[in-house]
Every structure is written in C-alpha cells, then in structure tokens.
Amino acid sequence: MQKERIAALEGIEIFYTGQRLDQGDLDTWISGLHFARLQEMGQRCHFTAYSILKLMRKTDSGKNRDILDTRLSRLNATAVRIKSGKYSYEGSLIDSVYREEETREYVVVFNPKMQALFASTQFTQIDLDVRQELDGKPLAQWLHCFYASHAKPFPYKATTLLTLSGSENSAPHSARQKLIKALDAVAEASNRHVQPFSYEIQDDLVHVKKRPSRSQQRHLKKILALNASRS
C-alpha cells in the first residue's frame, strides 16, 4: 500500500504506506503498548519473546517466535498519518526494534510524538480477555475494538461497518451474513466475560448496546452535567 487513504469515521483521517496489516499485527502492537503503558513514550521498552507471546496466549514455539519477529518488523516498516481532531501523528507504528538473539529479548521504542494520540480523551481501553477469545475471527476482533471506542454507540449501516473494517466481500448477502456472525461472536465472548453487549438490526442500521468502561462512564456523566447546566 502506497499512501492509501484508509476508511475512517468523520473527523478522522488515516493515510498508510507499507504492507497491509491484519488483526495479528494489531495483537502484537497492543501487546507492546501494554508493556510500555507505565512509562513515557520514547523510552526503551523491554520484554522477551516468551512474555509477549504469553500475553497473547500463544505458545513459545519457534514458529510463533518467527511470526512475532516478522510482525515487529512490519510494524517498524510502516508509515502512517493519523489526524483526529486537533491531534495528528505521522510516522511508524513502532519507531525501532532491538533484538538480543540469544536471550530473545526485545527492546522496542515507540515514537514519543505518538503520545498526542493518547491524550485524556483520545485512547481506548481494550479488554484483552474478550479479544483473545475472538482469536481467529478477524472481523469479530475488529468489531470488538471498534465498539470499545464508543461510550454510547451510534447506529451504523451494515455497509458502513463493513467498509470501515476493510472488508473486500463484494457479495452483499454474504457480507451481511458474515457481519451478523461476527457480531454474534462479540456478544457471546463479551457476555461470558461480564461485558454486556447486544445488538439488533433495523432497516439496515446496526444498533449496539454495551456497558461503557469506567472512564467512558465518567465521560458520559460530564456530558450530562454539562447539558444540564446549559438547560
């Protein structure tokens, strides 16, 4: 992909150059951010192949180590431009990767300029237990992450969700059935982990109900208080 515009919601612009990434790459990136979450962006983040594979619930095998190595290289080789509101970032998803070949220790550095994308209202917390239960179901994983970013989900057309997910299924009926199957998988996994999630489709609009995270609950209370003060 060469500076291709990625489908995004209104108010967000994404342009991407590099190999096309998938949900496995996102798993690796999220896991790296998990290890780096307690330090400033730009600092050296240390982890072993064993520890990050364990976090992703993968066995510490030669095959999975090779896949991890490939994914870290792909994330390092990306060029992405993201603009959300007044914040923007352009650069690689991973700034640099150092490897200790014998101990299989990694030192990963995230570009400190990326921190603008993680301002107080500019990040989403992902329930890894739910996401990992959806392993092998990329559309369901995408939907889970997408709706995790919504404190109170808006209704979306089924075609809009499919476009945003990067679906290349050109058969409308087949694409819709796969979307329904993926939504069912998200609902089942979320409810099993006490994360209420339900949906219904009315006139091609997908209506989702979910329990917001604690930070999203605080956000919604602030909006209610602000609206009350204006009335």
Foldseek 3Di string as FASTA:
>chain_A
DCQCWADDDPQKTKTKDFPDDFVVLVLLLVLQCVQCVVDAAFDWGKDALCVSCVLLVHDPDPVSLVVSVVSVVRQCPMWMWMGHHPAIDTDGSWPDWDADVPRRMIITGGPNSCCSCVPLLRDFDADSQLLSVCPPLRLLNVVRVVCSSDQADDWDALVSSCRNSVHPDPPVVVSSVSNVVSLVSSQVSCVVVVWHWDWDADPRIIHIDTHHDPSSVVVVVVVVVVVVVVD
